Amino acid sequence: MSSPSTTAPPVRPGAKAGALRDELSSLRIDRSQARKSSPLALLAWLLLALLIIGGIGGAGYFALKDKLFPLPEVTVESVRVMTLGQAQTELTCTGYLESRWQAAVGAKVPGRIAEIPVEEGTEVKAGDVLAELEHADLDAMLGSRKVAVDLAEAQLAEARFTAAQSERDYARQQDLLKRKAGVTADLEKAQTARDANKTILLAREASVAAAKNAVREAEEAIRNMFIYAPFDGTVVTKDAEKGESIMPGGMGASSGRGSVITLAKLDELEVDTDVKEDFLGQIRKGQPTEVEVDAVPDRHYRGKLREIIPMGDRTRGIVKVKVAILNPDERLFPELSATVRFLPDQKEGEANLSERKAVFAPMAAIQGEGAEKFAWVVEGDRIRKVAVTTKGEPEDNLIEIASPFTGGESLVTAPPPGLKDGEQVKMAE
């Protein structure tokens, strides 16, 4: 675009100041070339205005759309895959696994550990050695006591020989006195020797018995230096190591270890759990249960209420119960957290409630009757009408469905009237 031009006459050299003012006053702006607007510029301005108006209108529409055309608001629940036991649960409690037979095995006497021939996870039989304490001093004592037995037995043999000889001497003096060839004094002397040697013999026999008992005492003391498994089981923890001191009843490093090994029977596990007093009437001894262990999410175990401990806790309002696991496997061990589901009494042929899985839907999502049953399935932000086939009777607001769901689908519960297949919906907050 051209700018206005100005025309100025050339300044002559030597011109005077007045003439210069006349020349300056003659300067004028040439407005003959007026600025003209381009058609492309006008079109650009028009398009920009239309875009601004459209943007404002679109924003207003989206801002008011929910108020002008509200979407149906629905609540949903998921289709679940559960065992029949889970669906028929009467009461649920949490607790921890423990072995019915578990013991912290220690020594009868204080000592220092010489060897521990087992490790965690080792399976042992009753009577197997779990640990050995140092016993060199007891071995030496046993050796000396065995020598004392040999000495006492030798002295006993001598006493027996002497007693037998005394008996023969006494008999000889009796015979001489009967034949009038002996004297009474010799007979009395022989009798005294015989009786004395009998007494000595009894003393030697007692000495042998005492020496042998001393040997047995030393052997038992050495036996106490070995820690044996009290029952068949699995070593679950090593509570001490080689070189540590053991003190019966010890509670730590200051007083010595109290135990060396913790042994448990892992084939007889149970859940230690609590039941609130309010629900005590819902359980009974021998009641079937289903046990879920957090560490084994893909397995449900069959159980049975073994014992209701007859002692309440008034501060917490609970009663402790023991639930035996009937089909444990190698993946279970003490102190794992578990959930116990108390089931109704099973009828004959229903022993697999904890094994057979099925698909369950909330009753509030099933619409219609008989062969006309259906459910609204939410897919993204739209719904789809799907025919449903149910099985059995509802349990705890759930019902088993035979088709067509596999678990995880979102179903509309208590659907509002007027829903249409394929309609867009809004999830309730």
Protein backbone atom coordinates (compact mmCIF):
# COMPACT_ATOMS: atom_id res chain seq x y z
CA MET A 1 0.00 0.00 0.00
CA SER A 2 1.55 3.36 -1.07
CA SER A 3 2.11 6.10 1.47
CA PRO A 4 1.27 9.81 0.79
CA SER A 5 4.08 11.61 -0.94
CA THR A 6 5.41 15.12 -0.38
CA THR A 7 7.14 17.27 -3.01
CA ALA A 8 9.78 19.77 -2.03
CA PRO A 9 11.70 22.02 -4.44
CA PRO A 10 15.42 21.72 -4.31
CA VAL A 11 17.18 24.16 -2.10
CA ARG A 12 19.46 26.33 -4.00
CA PRO A 13 22.81 27.19 -2.61
CA GLY A 14 22.97 30.61 -1.16
CA ALA A 15 19.19 30.98 -0.86
CA LYS A 16 18.10 33.35 1.82
CA ALA A 17 16.10 32.50 4.92
CA GLY A 18 12.89 34.13 3.71
CA ALA A 19 12.97 32.31 0.51
CA LEU A 20 13.47 29.13 2.49
CA ARG A 21 10.34 29.79 4.54
CA ASP A 22 8.39 30.35 1.32
CA GLU A 23 9.58 27.06 0.01
CA LEU A 24 8.66 25.24 3.27
CA SER A 25 5.21 26.70 3.31
CA SER A 26 4.68 25.41 -0.18
CA LEU A 27 5.04 21.82 1.04
CA ARG A 28 1.72 19.85 0.77
CA ILE A 29 0.61 16.20 1.40
CA ASP A 30 -0.56 14.55 -1.74
CA ARG A 31 -3.87 12.80 -0.91
CA SER A 32 -4.66 11.86 -4.41
CA GLN A 33 -3.74 8.20 -3.75
CA ALA A 34 -6.38 7.26 -1.15
CA ARG A 35 -6.03 3.86 0.63
CA LYS A 36 -8.39 1.29 -0.84
CA SER A 37 -9.76 -1.84 1.04
CA SER A 38 -8.93 -5.29 -0.45
CA PRO A 39 -11.87 -7.78 -1.06
CA LEU A 40 -9.77 -10.63 0.42
CA ALA A 41 -9.33 -8.71 3.66
CA LEU A 42 -13.09 -8.16 3.93
CA LEU A 43 -13.71 -11.86 3.37
CA ALA A 44 -11.18 -12.79 6.08
CA TRP A 45 -12.84 -10.46 8.56
CA LEU A 46 -16.24 -12.00 7.74
CA LEU A 47 -14.99 -15.57 8.28
CA LEU A 48 -13.38 -14.63 11.59
CA ALA A 49 -16.63 -13.10 12.79
CA LEU A 50 -18.58 -16.23 11.80
CA LEU A 51 -16.09 -18.46 13.65
CA ILE A 52 -16.34 -16.37 16.80
CA ILE A 53 -20.15 -16.45 16.69
CA GLY A 54 -20.14 -20.23 16.04
CA GLY A 55 -17.72 -20.87 18.89
CA ILE A 56 -19.79 -18.86 21.32
CA GLY A 57 -22.94 -20.65 20.20
CA GLY A 58 -21.31 -24.12 20.45
CA ALA A 59 -19.97 -23.43 23.93
CA GLY A 60 -23.37 -22.28 25.04
CA TYR A 61 -24.98 -25.39 23.59
CA PHE A 62 -22.61 -27.78 25.35
CA ALA A 63 -22.96 -25.81 28.57
CA LEU A 64 -26.74 -26.03 28.47
CA LYS A 65 -27.09 -29.42 26.74
CA ASP A 66 -27.38 -31.43 29.98
CA LYS A 67 -30.10 -29.09 31.17
CA LEU A 68 -31.94 -28.88 27.87
CA PHE A 69 -31.63 -32.59 26.98
CA PRO A 70 -30.75 -34.54 30.19
CA LEU A 71 -29.43 -38.12 29.76
CA PRO A 72 -31.04 -40.97 31.74
CA GLU A 73 -29.08 -41.51 34.93
CA VAL A 74 -28.43 -45.14 35.89
CA THR A 75 -26.72 -47.10 38.66
CA VAL A 76 -24.76 -50.24 37.79
CA GLU A 77 -23.42 -53.38 39.45
CA SER A 78 -21.01 -55.94 38.05
CA VAL A 79 -21.72 -59.52 37.12
CA ARG A 80 -19.68 -61.73 39.48
CA VAL A 81 -18.05 -65.13 39.14
CA MET A 82 -18.27 -66.86 42.52
CA THR A 83 -18.47 -70.28 44.08
CA LEU A 84 -21.85 -71.47 45.25
CA GLY A 85 -20.51 -71.22 48.77
CA GLN A 86 -19.81 -67.50 48.36
CA ALA A 87 -23.31 -66.92 47.08
CA GLN A 88 -24.89 -68.78 50.02
CA THR A 89 -22.76 -67.19 52.75
CA GLU A 90 -24.58 -66.65 56.03
CA LEU A 91 -21.73 -64.88 57.85
CA THR A 92 -18.20 -63.76 56.96
CA CYS A 93 -15.25 -63.35 59.33
CA THR A 94 -11.53 -62.78 58.95
CA GLY A 95 -8.65 -64.35 60.82
CA TYR A 96 -5.27 -66.05 60.49
CA LEU A 97 -4.13 -69.57 59.76
CA GLU A 98 -2.51 -71.57 62.51
CA SER A 99 -1.51 -75.18 62.98
CA ARG A 100 -3.57 -77.17 65.42
CA TRP A 101 -0.28 -78.81 66.43
CA GLN A 102 2.47 -76.21 66.73
CA ALA A 103 5.28 -75.97 69.26
CA ALA A 104 8.33 -73.82 69.95
CA VAL A 105 10.78 -76.60 70.76
CA GLY A 106 13.65 -75.89 73.14
CA ALA A 107 16.06 -77.72 75.44
CA LYS A 108 15.37 -79.06 78.92
CA VAL A 109 18.69 -77.73 80.20
CA PRO A 110 20.83 -74.67 79.47
CA GLY A 111 23.66 -75.02 77.00
CA ARG A 112 25.30 -73.77 73.82
CA ILE A 113 24.15 -74.96 70.41
CA ALA A 114 26.65 -77.21 68.65
CA GLU A 115 24.63 -78.22 65.57
CA ILE A 116 21.23 -77.61 63.95
CA PRO A 117 20.81 -80.24 61.22
CA VAL A 118 17.48 -78.90 59.89
CA GLU A 119 16.35 -75.83 57.96
CA GLU A 120 13.04 -74.05 57.46
CA GLY A 121 10.72 -76.27 55.47
CA THR A 122 12.37 -79.52 56.55
CA GLU A 123 9.83 -82.28 57.22
CA VAL A 124 10.69 -84.34 60.30
CA LYS A 125 9.33 -87.36 62.12
CA ALA A 126 8.71 -87.68 65.83
CA GLY A 127 12.05 -88.38 67.53
CA ASP A 128 14.26 -86.82 64.82
CA VAL A 129 17.10 -84.63 66.10
CA LEU A 130 16.38 -80.92 65.64
CA ALA A 131 19.47 -79.56 67.41
CA GLU A 132 22.45 -80.64 69.51
CA LEU A 133 24.04 -78.79 72.42
CA GLU A 134 27.71 -78.96 73.40
CA HIS A 135 28.31 -81.90 75.79
CA ALA A 136 32.02 -82.75 75.84
CA ASP A 137 32.10 -82.46 79.64
CA LEU A 138 29.19 -84.87 79.95
CA ASP A 139 30.90 -87.32 77.60
CA ALA A 140 33.94 -87.31 79.89
CA MET A 141 31.76 -87.80 82.96
CA LEU A 142 29.99 -90.70 81.27
CA GLY A 143 33.33 -92.33 80.52
CA SER A 144 34.47 -92.11 84.13
CA ARG A 145 31.18 -93.50 85.38
CA LYS A 146 31.42 -96.46 83.04
CA VAL A 147 34.87 -97.17 84.51
CA ALA A 148 33.29 -96.99 87.99
CA VAL A 149 30.81 -99.64 86.89
CA ASP A 150 33.63 -101.92 85.77
CA LEU A 151 35.39 -101.45 89.13
CA ALA A 152 32.22 -102.11 91.09
CA GLU A 153 31.50 -105.25 89.08
CA ALA A 154 35.06 -106.52 89.73
CA GLN A 155 34.66 -105.89 93.46
CA LEU A 156 31.31 -107.67 93.30
CA ALA A 157 32.93 -110.70 91.69
CA GLU A 158 35.57 -110.75 94.44
CA ALA A 159 32.91 -110.47 97.12
CA ARG A 160 30.98 -113.35 95.60
CA PHE A 161 34.12 -115.52 95.59
CA THR A 162 34.89 -114.63 99.22
CA ALA A 163 31.28 -115.25 100.28
CA ALA A 164 31.30 -118.65 98.58
CA GLN A 165 34.56 -119.57 100.30
CA SER A 166 33.17 -118.50 103.67
CA GLU A 167 30.10 -120.66 103.07
CA ARG A 168 32.33 -123.66 102.37
CA ASP A 169 34.46 -122.98 105.48
CA TYR A 170 31.36 -122.82 107.65
CA ALA A 171 30.02 -126.08 106.23
CA ARG A 172 33.37 -127.79 106.88
CA GLN A 173 33.44 -126.68 110.55
CA GLN A 174 29.88 -127.95 110.98
CA ASP A 175 30.92 -131.34 109.63
CA LEU A 176 33.99 -131.50 111.88
CA LEU A 177 31.91 -130.64 114.93
CA LYS A 178 29.42 -133.40 114.13
CA ARG A 179 32.27 -135.93 113.90
CA LYS A 180 33.70 -134.68 117.23
CA ALA A 181 36.81 -133.56 115.39
CA GLY A 182 36.30 -129.84 115.67
CA VAL A 183 35.66 -127.24 118.30
CA THR A 184 32.78 -124.82 118.76
CA ALA A 185 35.02 -121.75 118.60
CA ASP A 186 36.14 -122.58 115.07
CA LEU A 187 32.53 -123.05 113.99
CA GLU A 188 31.54 -119.68 115.43
CA LYS A 189 34.51 -118.04 113.75
CA ALA A 190 33.55 -119.56 110.38
CA GLN A 191 29.95 -118.46 110.86
CA THR A 192 31.00 -114.88 111.60
CA ALA A 193 33.20 -114.76 108.50
CA ARG A 194 30.38 -116.19 106.39
CA ASP A 195 27.87 -113.58 107.61
CA ALA A 196 30.36 -110.73 107.14
CA ASN A 197 31.14 -111.78 103.59
CA LYS A 198 27.40 -111.99 102.79
CA THR A 199 27.05 -108.39 103.97
CA ILE A 200 30.02 -107.34 101.89
CA LEU A 201 28.45 -109.11 98.88
CA LEU A 202 25.21 -107.16 99.33
CA ALA A 203 27.21 -103.93 99.54
CA ARG A 204 29.11 -104.75 96.34
CA GLU A 205 25.86 -105.52 94.54
CA ALA A 206 24.47 -102.15 95.66
CA SER A 207 27.67 -100.43 94.49
CA VAL A 208 27.25 -101.96 91.02
CA ALA A 209 23.63 -100.83 90.88
CA ALA A 210 24.61 -97.30 91.98
CA ALA A 211 27.40 -97.15 89.39
CA LYS A 212 25.04 -98.28 86.64
CA ASN A 213 22.44 -95.70 87.69
CA ALA A 214 25.15 -93.05 87.56
CA VAL A 215 25.89 -94.12 83.98
CA ARG A 216 22.20 -93.88 83.09
CA GLU A 217 22.09 -90.44 84.68
CA ALA A 218 25.04 -89.29 82.57
CA GLU A 219 23.49 -90.81 79.46
CA GLU A 220 20.20 -88.98 80.15
CA ALA A 221 22.11 -85.75 80.70
CA ILE A 222 23.73 -86.24 77.30
CA ARG A 223 20.37 -87.12 75.80
CA ASN A 224 19.07 -83.78 77.11
CA MET A 225 21.76 -82.13 75.01
CA PHE A 226 19.81 -83.26 71.95
CA ILE A 227 16.51 -81.61 71.01
CA TYR A 228 14.06 -84.06 69.43
CA ALA A 229 10.90 -83.50 67.39
CA PRO A 230 7.88 -84.15 69.65
CA PHE A 231 5.63 -85.03 66.68
CA ASP A 232 5.65 -85.35 62.90
CA GLY A 233 5.69 -81.92 61.29
CA THR A 234 7.50 -79.24 59.32
CA VAL A 235 10.12 -76.81 60.59
CA VAL A 236 8.51 -73.39 60.07
CA THR A 237 11.17 -71.23 61.76
CA LYS A 238 14.68 -71.50 63.18
CA ASP A 239 14.67 -69.45 66.36
CA ALA A 240 18.41 -69.80 67.09
CA GLU A 241 21.70 -70.51 65.34
CA LYS A 242 24.86 -72.49 66.03
CA GLY A 243 26.88 -70.99 68.88
CA GLU A 244 23.95 -69.32 70.64
CA SER A 245 23.10 -70.14 74.23
CA ILE A 246 19.86 -71.83 75.18
CA MET A 247 18.08 -71.16 78.44
CA PRO A 248 14.78 -72.86 79.28
CA GLY A 249 12.29 -70.03 79.56
CA GLY A 250 14.74 -67.54 78.05
CA MET A 251 13.22 -64.51 76.33
CA GLY A 252 16.10 -63.11 74.28
CA ALA A 253 19.78 -62.35 74.07
CA SER A 254 20.02 -61.16 77.69
CA SER A 255 18.73 -64.41 79.15
CA GLY A 256 19.41 -66.86 76.31
CA ARG A 257 17.14 -68.22 73.62
CA GLY A 258 14.06 -70.03 74.85
CA SER A 259 13.55 -72.23 71.79
CA VAL A 260 15.55 -73.46 68.81
CA ILE A 261 12.89 -74.61 66.34
CA THR A 262 9.21 -73.89 65.76
CA LEU A 263 7.53 -77.05 64.52
CA ALA A 264 4.04 -77.31 63.04
CA LYS A 265 1.82 -79.93 61.42
CA LEU A 266 0.86 -78.28 58.15
CA ASP A 267 -1.65 -80.98 57.26
CA GLU A 268 -3.84 -79.95 60.20
CA LEU A 269 -4.40 -76.22 59.72
CA GLU A 270 -7.24 -74.12 61.03
CA VAL A 271 -8.35 -70.50 61.05
CA ASP A 272 -8.35 -68.59 64.30
CA THR A 273 -11.11 -66.00 63.94
CA ASP A 274 -13.55 -63.93 66.00
CA VAL A 275 -17.34 -63.74 65.79
CA LYS A 276 -19.30 -60.86 67.25
CA GLU A 277 -21.66 -61.81 70.04
CA ASP A 278 -24.61 -60.56 67.99
CA PHE A 279 -23.97 -63.24 65.33
CA LEU A 280 -23.20 -66.12 67.66
CA GLY A 281 -26.65 -67.56 67.07
CA GLN A 282 -25.90 -67.94 63.35
CA ILE A 283 -23.06 -70.43 63.82
CA ARG A 284 -22.88 -73.92 65.28
CA LYS A 285 -20.22 -76.54 65.87
CA GLY A 286 -19.65 -78.66 62.77
CA GLN A 287 -21.10 -76.02 60.43
CA PRO A 288 -19.64 -76.13 56.89
CA THR A 289 -17.50 -73.19 55.83
CA GLU A 290 -15.56 -71.91 52.86
CA VAL A 291 -12.08 -70.49 53.47
CA GLU A 292 -10.36 -67.99 51.20
CA VAL A 293 -6.65 -67.31 51.76
CA ASP A 294 -5.29 -64.02 50.44
CA ALA A 295 -2.03 -65.67 49.41
CA VAL A 296 -3.88 -68.25 47.26
CA PRO A 297 -6.50 -66.23 45.38
CA ASP A 298 -7.24 -68.96 42.84
CA ARG A 299 -8.35 -71.58 45.40
CA HIS A 300 -11.22 -71.92 47.85
CA TYR A 301 -10.84 -74.44 50.68
CA ARG A 302 -13.53 -76.48 52.39
CA GLY A 303 -13.74 -76.04 56.13
CA LYS A 304 -15.72 -76.94 59.23
CA LEU A 305 -16.35 -75.06 62.45
CA ARG A 306 -14.31 -77.21 64.85
CA GLU A 307 -14.72 -75.38 68.13
CA ILE A 308 -16.45 -72.38 69.67
CA ILE A 309 -14.21 -71.33 72.54
CA PRO A 310 -16.45 -70.99 75.62
CA MET A 311 -15.05 -67.64 76.71
CA GLY A 312 -16.21 -64.21 75.58
CA ASP A 313 -14.29 -60.95 75.39
CA ARG A 314 -16.49 -58.31 77.00
CA THR A 315 -14.22 -55.44 75.99
CA ARG A 316 -14.52 -56.29 72.29
CA GLY A 317 -17.82 -58.14 72.33
CA ILE A 318 -16.48 -61.17 70.45
CA VAL A 319 -16.14 -64.93 70.83
CA LYS A 320 -13.16 -66.83 69.42
CA VAL A 321 -13.82 -69.79 67.11
CA LYS A 322 -11.60 -72.36 65.38
CA VAL A 323 -12.35 -73.40 61.79
CA ALA A 324 -10.57 -76.54 60.54
CA ILE A 325 -9.48 -76.66 56.88
CA LEU A 326 -10.47 -80.02 55.42
CA ASN A 327 -8.41 -79.96 52.20
CA PRO A 328 -5.16 -78.03 52.86
CA ASP A 329 -2.31 -78.09 50.36
CA GLU A 330 1.37 -77.16 50.29
CA ARG A 331 0.61 -73.48 49.65
CA LEU A 332 -0.87 -72.96 53.11
CA PHE A 333 1.13 -72.27 56.25
CA PRO A 334 0.60 -70.50 59.61
CA GLU A 335 0.02 -66.74 59.97
CA LEU A 336 -1.53 -66.24 56.51
CA SER A 337 -4.63 -64.05 56.56
CA ALA A 338 -7.87 -65.80 55.65
CA THR A 339 -11.57 -65.10 55.21
CA VAL A 340 -14.12 -67.59 56.52
CA ARG A 341 -17.60 -67.81 55.00
CA PHE A 342 -20.07 -69.72 57.16
CA LEU A 343 -22.45 -71.71 54.92
CA PRO A 344 -25.85 -73.26 55.49
CA ASP A 345 -25.90 -76.97 56.24
CA GLN A 346 -25.21 -78.83 53.02
CA LYS A 347 -27.49 -81.45 51.67
CA GLU A 348 -26.25 -84.72 50.29
CA GLY A 349 -24.45 -84.15 47.00
CA GLU A 350 -23.63 -80.51 47.75
CA ALA A 351 -20.17 -81.08 49.17
CA ASN A 352 -18.63 -79.15 46.28
CA LEU A 353 -20.05 -75.74 47.13
CA SER A 354 -16.52 -74.45 47.62
CA GLU A 355 -15.33 -75.84 44.29
CA ARG A 356 -17.96 -75.21 41.61
CA LYS A 357 -18.01 -71.66 40.28
CA ALA A 358 -20.97 -69.94 38.65
CA VAL A 359 -21.95 -66.52 37.29
CA PHE A 360 -24.20 -64.38 39.48
CA ALA A 361 -26.05 -61.14 38.73
CA PRO A 362 -27.79 -58.73 41.12
CA MET A 363 -31.52 -59.40 41.35
CA ALA A 364 -32.24 -55.68 40.90
CA ALA A 365 -30.80 -55.89 37.36
CA ILE A 366 -33.07 -58.70 36.14
CA GLN A 367 -36.22 -57.43 34.42
CA GLY A 368 -39.23 -59.28 33.06
CA GLU A 369 -40.64 -62.69 33.90
CA GLY A 370 -40.09 -66.26 32.73
CA ALA A 371 -38.69 -66.53 29.23
CA GLU A 372 -38.92 -62.73 28.83
CA LYS A 373 -36.23 -61.94 31.38
CA PHE A 374 -33.64 -59.43 30.29
CA ALA A 375 -31.05 -56.98 31.62
CA TRP A 376 -29.62 -53.66 30.48
CA VAL A 377 -25.87 -53.90 29.86
CA VAL A 378 -23.79 -50.72 29.93
CA GLU A 379 -21.17 -50.60 27.17
CA GLY A 380 -19.19 -47.38 27.25
CA ASP A 381 -21.86 -44.66 27.65
CA ARG A 382 -24.66 -46.60 25.97
CA ILE A 383 -26.94 -49.44 27.01
CA ARG A 384 -27.89 -52.67 25.30
CA LYS A 385 -30.84 -54.95 26.05
CA VAL A 386 -29.76 -58.58 26.56
CA ALA A 387 -31.97 -61.61 27.21
CA VAL A 388 -31.09 -63.50 30.41
CA THR A 389 -31.63 -67.08 31.59
CA THR A 390 -31.53 -67.59 35.37
CA LYS A 391 -31.01 -70.71 37.48
CA GLY A 392 -32.23 -71.59 40.93
CA GLU A 393 -33.46 -69.26 43.62
CA PRO A 394 -31.90 -65.93 44.62
CA GLU A 395 -29.41 -65.91 47.49
CA ASP A 396 -28.56 -62.68 49.29
CA ASN A 397 -29.96 -60.52 46.42
CA LEU A 398 -27.92 -62.48 43.86
CA ILE A 399 -29.14 -65.04 41.36
CA GLU A 400 -27.22 -67.48 39.22
CA ILE A 401 -27.47 -66.82 35.49
CA ALA A 402 -26.89 -69.44 32.81
CA SER A 403 -26.30 -67.08 29.92
CA PRO A 404 -24.90 -65.05 28.28
CA PHE A 405 -22.54 -63.33 30.73
CA THR A 406 -19.08 -64.49 31.79
CA GLY A 407 -18.36 -62.03 34.62
CA GLY A 408 -17.34 -58.40 34.87
CA GLU A 409 -20.18 -56.93 32.79
CA SER A 410 -21.93 -53.83 34.17
CA LEU A 411 -25.70 -54.19 34.56
CA VAL A 412 -28.18 -51.41 35.23
CA THR A 413 -29.92 -51.93 38.58
CA ALA A 414 -33.43 -50.59 39.14
CA PRO A 415 -33.48 -49.07 35.62
CA PRO A 416 -35.59 -45.93 35.10
CA PRO A 417 -38.64 -46.36 32.84
CA GLY A 418 -38.43 -45.53 29.18
CA LEU A 419 -34.93 -46.82 28.42
CA LYS A 420 -34.24 -47.64 24.80
CA ASP A 421 -31.78 -50.07 23.27
CA GLY A 422 -28.63 -48.24 22.24
CA GLU A 423 -29.54 -45.10 24.20
CA GLN A 424 -26.84 -42.94 25.75
CA VAL A 425 -26.91 -42.88 29.55
CA LYS A 426 -25.14 -41.19 32.41
CA MET A 427 -23.65 -43.02 35.40
CA ALA A 428 -25.01 -41.98 38.75
CA GLU A 429 -22.41 -40.47 41.04
